[in-house]
Amino acid sequence: MFEKLEEWMNFHTAVMKQYPRPGFLMIFSCIVALVVSWFYPKIVMGIANFEIGGHAPYQDFIFSHIRYFRLGMWVVPFLIFIVLMSISWGIHKENIKKYFR
């Protein structure tokens, strides 16, 4: 059983050595998800405190729906991570096909 796992890992390592772009995209997706999760509350609070003529038009809406904005702190980075990882997995699948040619 471990031989098959080792063979599978060696194959994907060989593909990633020859075509490293998906690996870099996977690392980039992790970094982007962390950065978005760090800046999301700051952006939401910036929008809530945005004033036009002494009036904050978005503040009431954001504070009345704060539960959804709190949920967005986890959902938005997760969705960005999933989208970027699926793109990198697609590129990796294409590279596997190139590897066999």
PDB file of N, CA and C in Angstrom:
ATOM      1  N   MET A   1       0.816  -1.189   0.000  1.00  0.00           N
ATOM      2  CA  MET A   1       0.000   0.000   0.000  1.00  0.00           C
ATOM      3  C   MET A   1       0.864   1.259   0.000  1.00  0.00           C
ATOM      4  N   PHE A   2       1.902   1.277   0.810  1.00  0.00           N
ATOM      5  CA  PHE A   2       2.767   2.446   0.861  1.00  0.00           C
ATOM      6  C   PHE A   2       3.582   2.597  -0.414  1.00  0.00           C
ATOM      7  N   GLU A   3       3.790   1.498  -1.129  1.00  0.00           N
ATOM      8  CA  GLU A   3       4.527   1.578  -2.384  1.00  0.00           C
ATOM      9  C   GLU A   3       3.730   2.378  -3.417  1.00  0.00           C
ATOM     10  N   LYS A   4       2.411   2.142  -3.453  1.00  0.00           N
ATOM     11  CA  LYS A   4       1.572   2.882  -4.399  1.00  0.00           C
ATOM     12  C   LYS A   4       1.540   4.369  -4.046  1.00  0.00           C
ATOM     13  N   LEU A   5       1.468   4.660  -2.765  1.00  0.00           N
ATOM     14  CA  LEU A   5       1.473   6.052  -2.331  1.00  0.00           C
ATOM     15  C   LEU A   5       2.806   6.713  -2.679  1.00  0.00           C
ATOM     16  N   GLU A   6       3.885   6.001  -2.453  1.00  0.00           N
ATOM     17  CA  GLU A   6       5.207   6.542  -2.771  1.00  0.00           C
ATOM     18  C   GLU A   6       5.364   6.749  -4.281  1.00  0.00           C
ATOM     19  N   GLU A   7       4.849   5.813  -5.062  1.00  0.00           N
ATOM     20  CA  GLU A   7       4.904   5.938  -6.520  1.00  0.00           C
ATOM     21  C   GLU A   7       4.080   7.142  -6.989  1.00  0.00           C
ATOM     22  N   TRP A   8       2.902   7.319  -6.403  1.00  0.00           N
ATOM     23  CA  TRP A   8       2.039   8.443  -6.749  1.00  0.00           C
ATOM     24  C   TRP A   8       2.719   9.766  -6.403  1.00  0.00           C
ATOM     25  N   MET A   9       3.329   9.834  -5.222  1.00  0.00           N
ATOM     26  CA  MET A   9       4.012  11.058  -4.797  1.00  0.00           C
ATOM     27  C   MET A   9       5.215  11.354  -5.692  1.00  0.00           C
ATOM     28  N   ASN A  10       5.977  10.322  -6.043  1.00  0.00           N
ATOM     29  CA  ASN A  10       7.136  10.524  -6.911  1.00  0.00           C
ATOM     30  C   ASN A  10       6.715  11.022  -8.291  1.00  0.00           C
ATOM     31  N   PHE A  11       5.609  10.481  -8.813  1.00  0.00           N
ATOM     32  CA  PHE A  11       5.117  10.921 -10.119  1.00  0.00           C
ATOM     33  C   PHE A  11       4.730  12.395 -10.088  1.00  0.00           C
ATOM     34  N   HIS A  12       3.960  12.799  -9.088  1.00  0.00           N
ATOM     35  CA  HIS A  12       3.521  14.196  -9.017  1.00  0.00           C
ATOM     36  C   HIS A  12       4.685  15.134  -8.703  1.00  0.00           C
ATOM     37  N   THR A  13       5.664  14.647  -7.972  1.00  0.00           N
ATOM     38  CA  THR A  13       6.862  15.447  -7.725  1.00  0.00           C
ATOM     39  C   THR A  13       7.620  15.677  -9.022  1.00  0.00           C
ATOM     40  N   ALA A  14       7.719  14.640  -9.855  1.00  0.00           N
ATOM     41  CA  ALA A  14       8.398  14.785 -11.148  1.00  0.00           C
ATOM     42  C   ALA A  14       7.661  15.771 -12.053  1.00  0.00           C
ATOM     43  N   VAL A  15       6.338  15.695 -12.053  1.00  0.00           N
ATOM     44  CA  VAL A  15       5.555  16.635 -12.868  1.00  0.00           C
ATOM     45  C   VAL A  15       5.736  18.057 -12.346  1.00  0.00           C
ATOM     46  N   MET A  16       5.712  18.234 -11.029  1.00  0.00           N
ATOM     47  CA  MET A  16       5.850  19.573 -10.450  1.00  0.00           C
ATOM     48  C   MET A  16       7.259  20.136 -10.656  1.00  0.00           C
ATOM     49  N   LYS A  17       8.270  19.266 -10.724  1.00  0.00           N
ATOM     50  CA  LYS A  17       9.624  19.753 -10.995  1.00  0.00           C
ATOM     51  C   LYS A  17       9.740  20.246 -12.431  1.00  0.00           C
ATOM     52  N   GLN A  18       9.082  19.558 -13.351  1.00  0.00           N
ATOM     53  CA  GLN A  18       9.162  19.955 -14.747  1.00  0.00           C
ATOM     54  C   GLN A  18       8.274  21.164 -15.039  1.00  0.00           C
ATOM     55  N   TYR A  19       7.106  21.223 -14.413  1.00  0.00           N
ATOM     56  CA  TYR A  19       6.164  22.326 -14.610  1.00  0.00           C
ATOM     57  C   TYR A  19       5.790  22.906 -13.240  1.00  0.00           C
ATOM     58  N   PRO A  20       6.568  23.866 -12.711  1.00  0.00           N
ATOM     59  CA  PRO A  20       6.336  24.336 -11.335  1.00  0.00           C
ATOM     60  C   PRO A  20       5.238  25.392 -11.175  1.00  0.00           C
ATOM     61  N   ARG A  21       4.639  25.872 -12.255  1.00  0.00           N
ATOM     62  CA  ARG A  21       3.671  26.970 -12.166  1.00  0.00           C
ATOM     63  C   ARG A  21       2.486  26.681 -11.245  1.00  0.00           C
ATOM     64  N   PRO A  22       1.875  25.489 -11.273  1.00  0.00           N
ATOM     65  CA  PRO A  22       0.750  25.253 -10.352  1.00  0.00           C
ATOM     66  C   PRO A  22       1.153  25.308  -8.881  1.00  0.00           C
ATOM     67  N   GLY A  23       2.367  24.886  -8.584  1.00  0.00           N
ATOM     68  CA  GLY A  23       2.835  24.960  -7.199  1.00  0.00           C
ATOM     69  C   GLY A  23       2.937  26.395  -6.716  1.00  0.00           C
ATOM     70  N   PHE A  24       3.453  27.258  -7.590  1.00  0.00           N
ATOM     71  CA  PHE A  24       3.530  28.674  -7.235  1.00  0.00           C
ATOM     72  C   PHE A  24       2.144  29.279  -7.086  1.00  0.00           C
ATOM     73  N   LEU A  25       1.212  28.860  -7.931  1.00  0.00           N
ATOM     74  CA  LEU A  25      -0.158  29.361  -7.833  1.00  0.00           C
ATOM     75  C   LEU A  25      -0.828  28.876  -6.550  1.00  0.00           C
ATOM     76  N   MET A  26      -0.519  27.663  -6.111  1.00  0.00           N
ATOM     77  CA  MET A  26      -1.070  27.156  -4.850  1.00  0.00           C
ATOM     78  C   MET A  26      -0.553  27.972  -3.665  1.00  0.00           C
ATOM     79  N   ILE A  27       0.735  28.289  -3.679  1.00  0.00           N
ATOM     80  CA  ILE A  27       1.308  29.117  -2.616  1.00  0.00           C
ATOM     81  C   ILE A  27       0.697  30.518  -2.658  1.00  0.00           C
ATOM     82  N   PHE A  28       0.550  31.061  -3.867  1.00  0.00           N
ATOM     83  CA  PHE A  28      -0.062  32.378  -4.038  1.00  0.00           C
ATOM     84  C   PHE A  28      -1.495  32.398  -3.523  1.00  0.00           C
ATOM     85  N   SER A  29      -2.246  31.311  -3.760  1.00  0.00           N
ATOM     86  CA  SER A  29      -3.639  31.268  -3.294  1.00  0.00           C
ATOM     87  C   SER A  29      -3.708  31.257  -1.770  1.00  0.00           C
ATOM     88  N   CYS A  30      -2.779  30.578  -1.117  1.00  0.00           N
ATOM     89  CA  CYS A  30      -2.746  30.600   0.352  1.00  0.00           C
ATOM     90  C   CYS A  30      -2.451  32.009   0.869  1.00  0.00           C
ATOM     91  N   ILE A  31      -1.493  32.675   0.237  1.00  0.00           N
ATOM     92  CA  ILE A  31      -1.126  34.025   0.667  1.00  0.00           C
ATOM     93  C   ILE A  31      -2.281  35.001   0.438  1.00  0.00           C
ATOM     94  N   VAL A  32      -2.939  34.896  -0.718  1.00  0.00           N
ATOM     95  CA  VAL A  32      -4.062  35.794  -1.018  1.00  0.00           C
ATOM     96  C   VAL A  32      -5.202  35.575  -0.032  1.00  0.00           C
ATOM     97  N   ALA A  33      -5.496  34.320   0.299  1.00  0.00           N
ATOM     98  CA  ALA A  33      -6.573  34.040   1.255  1.00  0.00           C
ATOM     99  C   ALA A  33      -6.247  34.633   2.629  1.00  0.00           C
ATOM    100  N   LEU A  34      -4.998  34.533   3.055  1.00  0.00           N
ATOM    101  CA  LEU A  34      -4.610  35.116   4.343  1.00  0.00           C
ATOM    102  C   LEU A  34      -4.694  36.642   4.317  1.00  0.00           C
ATOM    103  N   VAL A  35      -4.252  37.248   3.228  1.00  0.00           N
ATOM    104  CA  VAL A  35      -4.296  38.710   3.117  1.00  0.00           C
ATOM    105  C   VAL A  35      -5.742  39.202   3.091  1.00  0.00           C
ATOM    106  N   VAL A  36      -6.602  38.512   2.353  1.00  0.00           N
ATOM    107  CA  VAL A  36      -8.012  38.915   2.289  1.00  0.00           C
ATOM    108  C   VAL A  36      -8.674  38.768   3.655  1.00  0.00           C
ATOM    109  N   SER A  37      -8.372  37.689   4.369  1.00  0.00           N
ATOM    110  CA  SER A  37      -8.964  37.520   5.699  1.00  0.00           C
ATOM    111  C   SER A  37      -8.446  38.579   6.678  1.00  0.00           C
ATOM    112  N   TRP A  38      -7.248  39.088   6.452  1.00  0.00           N
ATOM    113  CA  TRP A  38      -6.704  40.134   7.308  1.00  0.00           C
ATOM    114  C   TRP A  38      -7.353  41.491   7.013  1.00  0.00           C
ATOM    115  N   PHE A  39      -7.552  41.805   5.729  1.00  0.00           N
ATOM    116  CA  PHE A  39      -8.051  43.126   5.355  1.00  0.00           C
ATOM    117  C   PHE A  39      -9.566  43.225   5.265  1.00  0.00           C
ATOM    118  N   TYR A  40     -10.295  42.127   5.245  1.00  0.00           N
ATOM    119  CA  TYR A  40     -11.753  42.167   5.103  1.00  0.00           C
ATOM    120  C   TYR A  40     -12.430  43.009   6.193  1.00  0.00           C
ATOM    121  N   PRO A  41     -12.122  42.797   7.486  1.00  0.00           N
ATOM    122  CA  PRO A  41     -12.784  43.635   8.503  1.00  0.00           C
ATOM    123  C   PRO A  41     -12.435  45.117   8.374  1.00  0.00           C
ATOM    124  N   LYS A  42     -11.195  45.399   7.980  1.00  0.00           N
ATOM    125  CA  LYS A  42     -10.788  46.792   7.823  1.00  0.00           C
ATOM    126  C   LYS A  42     -11.536  47.459   6.668  1.00  0.00           C
ATOM    127  N   ILE A  43     -11.748  46.714   5.588  1.00  0.00           N
ATOM    128  CA  ILE A  43     -12.480  47.257   4.443  1.00  0.00           C
ATOM    129  C   ILE A  43     -13.947  47.485   4.802  1.00  0.00           C
ATOM    130  N   VAL A  44     -14.560  46.524   5.493  1.00  0.00           N
ATOM    131  CA  VAL A  44     -15.969  46.670   5.875  1.00  0.00           C
ATOM    132  C   VAL A  44     -16.143  47.851   6.828  1.00  0.00           C
ATOM    133  N   MET A  45     -15.254  47.996   7.794  1.00  0.00           N
ATOM    134  CA  MET A  45     -15.364  49.126   8.717  1.00  0.00           C
ATOM    135  C   MET A  45     -15.075  50.448   8.007  1.00  0.00           C
ATOM    136  N   GLY A  46     -14.173  50.420   7.029  1.00  0.00           N
ATOM    137  CA  GLY A  46     -13.918  51.628   6.244  1.00  0.00           C
ATOM    138  C   GLY A  46     -15.141  52.051   5.447  1.00  0.00           C
ATOM    139  N   ILE A  47     -15.850  51.081   4.879  1.00  0.00           N
ATOM    140  CA  ILE A  47     -17.086  51.388   4.148  1.00  0.00           C
ATOM    141  C   ILE A  47     -18.159  51.879   5.112  1.00  0.00           C
ATOM    142  N   ALA A  48     -18.228  51.275   6.297  1.00  0.00           N
ATOM    143  CA  ALA A  48     -19.240  51.692   7.278  1.00  0.00           C
ATOM    144  C   ALA A  48     -18.984  53.109   7.774  1.00  0.00           C
ATOM    145  N   ASN A  49     -17.730  53.485   7.923  1.00  0.00           N
ATOM    146  CA  ASN A  49     -17.394  54.816   8.438  1.00  0.00           C
ATOM    147  C   ASN A  49     -17.214  55.859   7.340  1.00  0.00           C
ATOM    148  N   PHE A  50     -17.430  55.489   6.098  1.00  0.00           N
ATOM    149  CA  PHE A  50     -17.316  56.419   4.972  1.00  0.00           C
ATOM    150  C   PHE A  50     -18.409  57.478   5.080  1.00  0.00           C
ATOM    151  N   GLU A  51     -18.000  58.732   5.012  1.00  0.00           N
ATOM    152  CA  GLU A  51     -18.955  59.826   5.176  1.00  0.00           C
ATOM    153  C   GLU A  51     -19.041  60.669   3.913  1.00  0.00           C
ATOM    154  N   ILE A  52     -20.262  61.043   3.587  1.00  0.00           N
ATOM    155  CA  ILE A  52     -20.512  61.980   2.492  1.00  0.00           C
ATOM    156  C   ILE A  52     -21.333  63.123   3.083  1.00  0.00           C
ATOM    157  N   GLY A  53     -20.732  64.275   3.169  1.00  0.00           N
ATOM    158  CA  GLY A  53     -21.447  65.439   3.708  1.00  0.00           C
ATOM    159  C   GLY A  53     -21.856  65.277   5.157  1.00  0.00           C
ATOM    160  N   GLY A  54     -21.030  64.633   5.970  1.00  0.00           N
ATOM    161  CA  GLY A  54     -21.336  64.459   7.383  1.00  0.00           C
ATOM    162  C   GLY A  54     -22.316  63.338   7.674  1.00  0.00           C
ATOM    163  N   HIS A  55     -22.647  62.555   6.671  1.00  0.00           N
ATOM    164  CA  HIS A  55     -23.597  61.453   6.847  1.00  0.00           C
ATOM    165  C   HIS A  55     -22.943  60.168   6.351  1.00  0.00           C
ATOM    166  N   ALA A  56     -23.049  59.106   7.154  1.00  0.00           N
ATOM    167  CA  ALA A  56     -22.501  57.795   6.778  1.00  0.00           C
ATOM    168  C   ALA A  56     -23.633  56.951   6.187  1.00  0.00           C
ATOM    169  N   PRO A  57     -23.761  56.902   4.851  1.00  0.00           N
ATOM    170  CA  PRO A  57     -24.928  56.246   4.255  1.00  0.00           C
ATOM    171  C   PRO A  57     -24.949  54.728   4.408  1.00  0.00           C
ATOM    172  N   TYR A  58     -23.803  54.107   4.544  1.00  0.00           N
ATOM    173  CA  TYR A  58     -23.767  52.639   4.596  1.00  0.00           C
ATOM    174  C   TYR A  58     -23.722  52.085   6.017  1.00  0.00           C
ATOM    175  N   GLN A  59     -23.555  52.951   6.996  1.00  0.00           N
ATOM    176  CA  GLN A  59     -23.358  52.510   8.370  1.00  0.00           C
ATOM    177  C   GLN A  59     -24.567  51.765   8.920  1.00  0.00           C
ATOM    178  N   ASP A  60     -25.756  52.271   8.723  1.00  0.00           N
ATOM    179  CA  ASP A  60     -26.957  51.601   9.241  1.00  0.00           C
ATOM    180  C   ASP A  60     -27.143  50.227   8.606  1.00  0.00           C
ATOM    181  N   PHE A  61     -26.921  50.152   7.295  1.00  0.00           N
ATOM    182  CA  PHE A  61     -27.078  48.875   6.601  1.00  0.00           C
ATOM    183  C   PHE A  61     -26.075  47.840   7.105  1.00  0.00           C
ATOM    184  N   ILE A  62     -24.823  48.246   7.244  1.00  0.00           N
ATOM    185  CA  ILE A  62     -23.786  47.300   7.680  1.00  0.00           C
ATOM    186  C   ILE A  62     -24.025  46.864   9.115  1.00  0.00           C
ATOM    187  N   PHE A  63     -24.364  47.792  10.007  1.00  0.00           N
ATOM    188  CA  PHE A  63     -24.563  47.407  11.402  1.00  0.00           C
ATOM    189  C   PHE A  63     -25.848  46.619  11.622  1.00  0.00           C
ATOM    190  N   SER A  64     -26.836  46.799  10.758  1.00  0.00           N
ATOM    191  CA  SER A  64     -28.050  45.989  10.901  1.00  0.00           C
ATOM    192  C   SER A  64     -27.866  44.584  10.323  1.00  0.00           C
ATOM    193  N   HIS A  65     -26.882  44.397   9.444  1.00  0.00           N
ATOM    194  CA  HIS A  65     -26.601  43.086   8.848  1.00  0.00           C
ATOM    195  C   HIS A  65     -25.206  42.593   9.230  1.00  0.00           C
ATOM    196  N   ILE A  66     -24.767  42.918  10.431  1.00  0.00           N
ATOM    197  CA  ILE A  66     -23.402  42.599  10.849  1.00  0.00           C
ATOM    198  C   ILE A  66     -23.147  41.100  10.913  1.00  0.00           C
ATOM    199  N   ARG A  67     -24.178  40.303  11.165  1.00  0.00           N
ATOM    200  CA  ARG A  67     -23.997  38.843  11.201  1.00  0.00           C
ATOM    201  C   ARG A  67     -23.496  38.321   9.860  1.00  0.00           C
ATOM    202  N   TYR A  68     -24.054  38.848   8.785  1.00  0.00           N
ATOM    203  CA  TYR A  68     -23.651  38.397   7.454  1.00  0.00           C
ATOM    204  C   TYR A  68     -22.249  38.880   7.103  1.00  0.00           C
ATOM    205  N   PHE A  69     -21.911  40.076   7.537  1.00  0.00           N
ATOM    206  CA  PHE A  69     -20.572  40.578   7.275  1.00  0.00           C
ATOM    207  C   PHE A  69     -19.526  39.815   8.084  1.00  0.00           C
ATOM    208  N   ARG A  70     -19.876  39.377   9.293  1.00  0.00           N
ATOM    209  CA  ARG A  70     -18.958  38.531  10.068  1.00  0.00           C
ATOM    210  C   ARG A  70     -18.753  37.189   9.392  1.00  0.00           C
ATOM    211  N   LEU A  71     -19.821  36.636   8.849  1.00  0.00           N
ATOM    212  CA  LEU A  71     -19.718  35.379   8.124  1.00  0.00           C
ATOM    213  C   LEU A  71     -18.841  35.544   6.884  1.00  0.00           C
ATOM    214  N   GLY A  72     -18.913  36.706   6.258  1.00  0.00           N
ATOM    215  CA  GLY A  72     -18.089  36.983   5.085  1.00  0.00           C
ATOM    216  C   GLY A  72     -16.612  36.976   5.382  1.00  0.00           C
ATOM    217  N   MET A  73     -16.246  37.201   6.642  1.00  0.00           N
ATOM    218  CA  MET A  73     -14.828  37.167   7.010  1.00  0.00           C
ATOM    219  C   MET A  73     -14.228  35.792   6.776  1.00  0.00           C
ATOM    220  N   TRP A  74     -15.045  34.752   6.856  1.00  0.00           N
ATOM    221  CA  TRP A  74     -14.560  33.390   6.618  1.00  0.00           C
ATOM    222  C   TRP A  74     -14.915  32.902   5.223  1.00  0.00           C
ATOM    223  N   VAL A  75     -16.063  33.307   4.718  1.00  0.00           N
ATOM    224  CA  VAL A  75     -16.540  32.796   3.431  1.00  0.00           C
ATOM    225  C   VAL A  75     -15.750  33.383   2.262  1.00  0.00           C
ATOM    226  N   VAL A  76     -15.504  34.674   2.270  1.00  0.00           N
ATOM    227  CA  VAL A  76     -14.824  35.322   1.148  1.00  0.00           C
ATOM    228  C   VAL A  76     -13.413  34.769   0.942  1.00  0.00           C
ATOM    229  N   PRO A  77     -12.554  34.682   1.969  1.00  0.00           N
ATOM    230  CA  PRO A  77     -11.232  34.092   1.737  1.00  0.00           C
ATOM    231  C   PRO A  77     -11.303  32.617   1.338  1.00  0.00           C
ATOM    232  N   PHE A  78     -12.262  31.896   1.903  1.00  0.00           N
ATOM    233  CA  PHE A  78     -12.404  30.480   1.555  1.00  0.00           C
ATOM    234  C   PHE A  78     -12.782  30.319   0.087  1.00  0.00           C
ATOM    235  N   LEU A  79     -13.705  31.133  -0.402  1.00  0.00           N
ATOM    236  CA  LEU A  79     -14.097  31.052  -1.812  1.00  0.00           C
ATOM    237  C   LEU A  79     -12.952  31.447  -2.741  1.00  0.00           C
ATOM    238  N   ILE A  80     -12.210  32.471  -2.372  1.00  0.00           N
ATOM    239  CA  ILE A  80     -11.047  32.863  -3.170  1.00  0.00           C
ATOM    240  C   ILE A  80     -10.029  31.737  -3.197  1.00  0.00           C
ATOM    241  N   PHE A  81      -9.802  31.104  -2.051  1.00  0.00           N
ATOM    242  CA  PHE A  81      -8.868  29.985  -1.966  1.00  0.00           C
ATOM    243  C   PHE A  81      -9.328  28.822  -2.846  1.00  0.00           C
ATOM    244  N   ILE A  82     -10.603  28.479  -2.791  1.00  0.00           N
ATOM    245  CA  ILE A  82     -11.133  27.363  -3.581  1.00  0.00           C
ATOM    246  C   ILE A  82     -11.017  27.653  -5.077  1.00  0.00           C
ATOM    247  N   VAL A  83     -11.343  28.868  -5.493  1.00  0.00           N
ATOM    248  CA  VAL A  83     -11.264  29.212  -6.917  1.00  0.00           C
ATOM    249  C   VAL A  83      -9.827  29.139  -7.416  1.00  0.00           C
ATOM    250  N   LEU A  84      -8.894  29.729  -6.679  1.00  0.00           N
ATOM    251  CA  LEU A  84      -7.499  29.703  -7.117  1.00  0.00           C
ATOM    252  C   LEU A  84      -6.911  28.294  -7.083  1.00  0.00           C
ATOM    253  N   MET A  85      -7.296  27.496  -6.090  1.00  0.00           N
ATOM    254  CA  MET A  85      -6.798  26.117  -6.043  1.00  0.00           C
ATOM    255  C   MET A  85      -7.372  25.286  -7.182  1.00  0.00           C
ATOM    256  N   SER A  86      -8.639  25.502  -7.539  1.00  0.00           N
ATOM    257  CA  SER A  86      -9.206  24.743  -8.656  1.00  0.00           C
ATOM    258  C   SER A  86      -8.529  25.131  -9.968  1.00  0.00           C
ATOM    259  N   ILE A  87      -8.165  26.394 -10.121  1.00  0.00           N
ATOM    260  CA  ILE A  87      -7.419  26.812 -11.308  1.00  0.00           C
ATOM    261  C   ILE A  87      -6.058  26.131 -11.343  1.00  0.00           C
ATOM    262  N   SER A  88      -5.375  26.090 -10.203  1.00  0.00           N
ATOM    263  CA  SER A  88      -4.050  25.455 -10.174  1.00  0.00           C
ATOM    264  C   SER A  88      -4.145  23.948 -10.383  1.00  0.00           C
ATOM    265  N   TRP A  89      -5.204  23.312  -9.876  1.00  0.00           N
ATOM    266  CA  TRP A  89      -5.372  21.874 -10.117  1.00  0.00           C
ATOM    267  C   TRP A  89      -5.649  21.597 -11.587  1.00  0.00           C
ATOM    268  N   GLY A  90      -6.408  22.477 -12.238  1.00  0.00           N
ATOM    269  CA  GLY A  90      -6.651  22.331 -13.671  1.00  0.00           C
ATOM    270  C   GLY A  90      -5.367  22.458 -14.473  1.00  0.00           C
ATOM    271  N   ILE A  91      -4.530  23.419 -14.105  1.00  0.00           N
ATOM    272  CA  ILE A  91      -3.239  23.571 -14.777  1.00  0.00           C
ATOM    273  C   ILE A  91      -2.375  22.342 -14.534  1.00  0.00           C
ATOM    274  N   HIS A  92      -2.417  21.803 -13.321  1.00  0.00           N
ATOM    275  CA  HIS A  92      -1.631  20.610 -13.006  1.00  0.00           C
ATOM    276  C   HIS A  92      -2.106  19.412 -13.832  1.00  0.00           C
ATOM    277  N   LYS A  93      -3.416  19.275 -14.022  1.00  0.00           N
ATOM    278  CA  LYS A  93      -3.935  18.184 -14.859  1.00  0.00           C
ATOM    279  C   LYS A  93      -3.461  18.323 -16.300  1.00  0.00           C
ATOM    280  N   GLU A  94      -3.455  19.560 -16.813  1.00  0.00           N
ATOM    281  CA  GLU A  94      -2.932  19.787 -18.163  1.00  0.00           C
ATOM    282  C   GLU A  94      -1.451  19.441 -18.239  1.00  0.00           C
ATOM    283  N   ASN A  95      -0.706  19.759 -17.190  1.00  0.00           N
ATOM    284  CA  ASN A  95       0.720  19.450 -17.174  1.00  0.00           C
ATOM    285  C   ASN A  95       0.973  17.948 -17.111  1.00  0.00           C
ATOM    286  N   ILE A  96       0.091  17.204 -16.466  1.00  0.00           N
ATOM    287  CA  ILE A  96       0.225  15.742 -16.451  1.00  0.00           C
ATOM    288  C   ILE A  96       0.062  15.201 -17.866  1.00  0.00           C
ATOM    289  N   LYS A  97      -0.900  15.757 -18.618  1.00  0.00           N
ATOM    290  CA  LYS A  97      -1.074  15.331 -20.011  1.00  0.00           C
ATOM    291  C   LYS A  97       0.156  15.674 -20.841  1.00  0.00           C
ATOM    292  N   LYS A  98       0.749  16.861 -20.617  1.00  0.00           N
ATOM    293  CA  LYS A  98       1.970  17.244 -21.324  1.00  0.00           C
ATOM    294  C   LYS A  98       3.128  16.320 -20.956  1.00  0.00           C
ATOM    295  N   TYR A  99       3.163  15.886 -19.709  1.00  0.00           N
ATOM    296  CA  TYR A  99       4.255  15.041 -19.224  1.00  0.00           C
ATOM    297  C   TYR A  99       4.272  13.693 -19.943  1.00  0.00           C
ATOM    298  N   PHE A 100       3.091  13.197 -20.316  1.00  0.00           N
ATOM    299  CA  PHE A 100       3.015  11.904 -20.985  1.00  0.00           C
ATOM    300  C   PHE A 100       3.251  12.001 -22.485  1.00  0.00           C
ATOM    301  N   ARG A 101       3.261  13.182 -23.076  1.00  0.00           N
ATOM    302  CA  ARG A 101       3.496  13.318 -24.517  1.00  0.00           C
ATOM    303  C   ARG A 101       4.926  13.134 -24.867  1.00  0.00           C
TER     304      ARG A 101
END
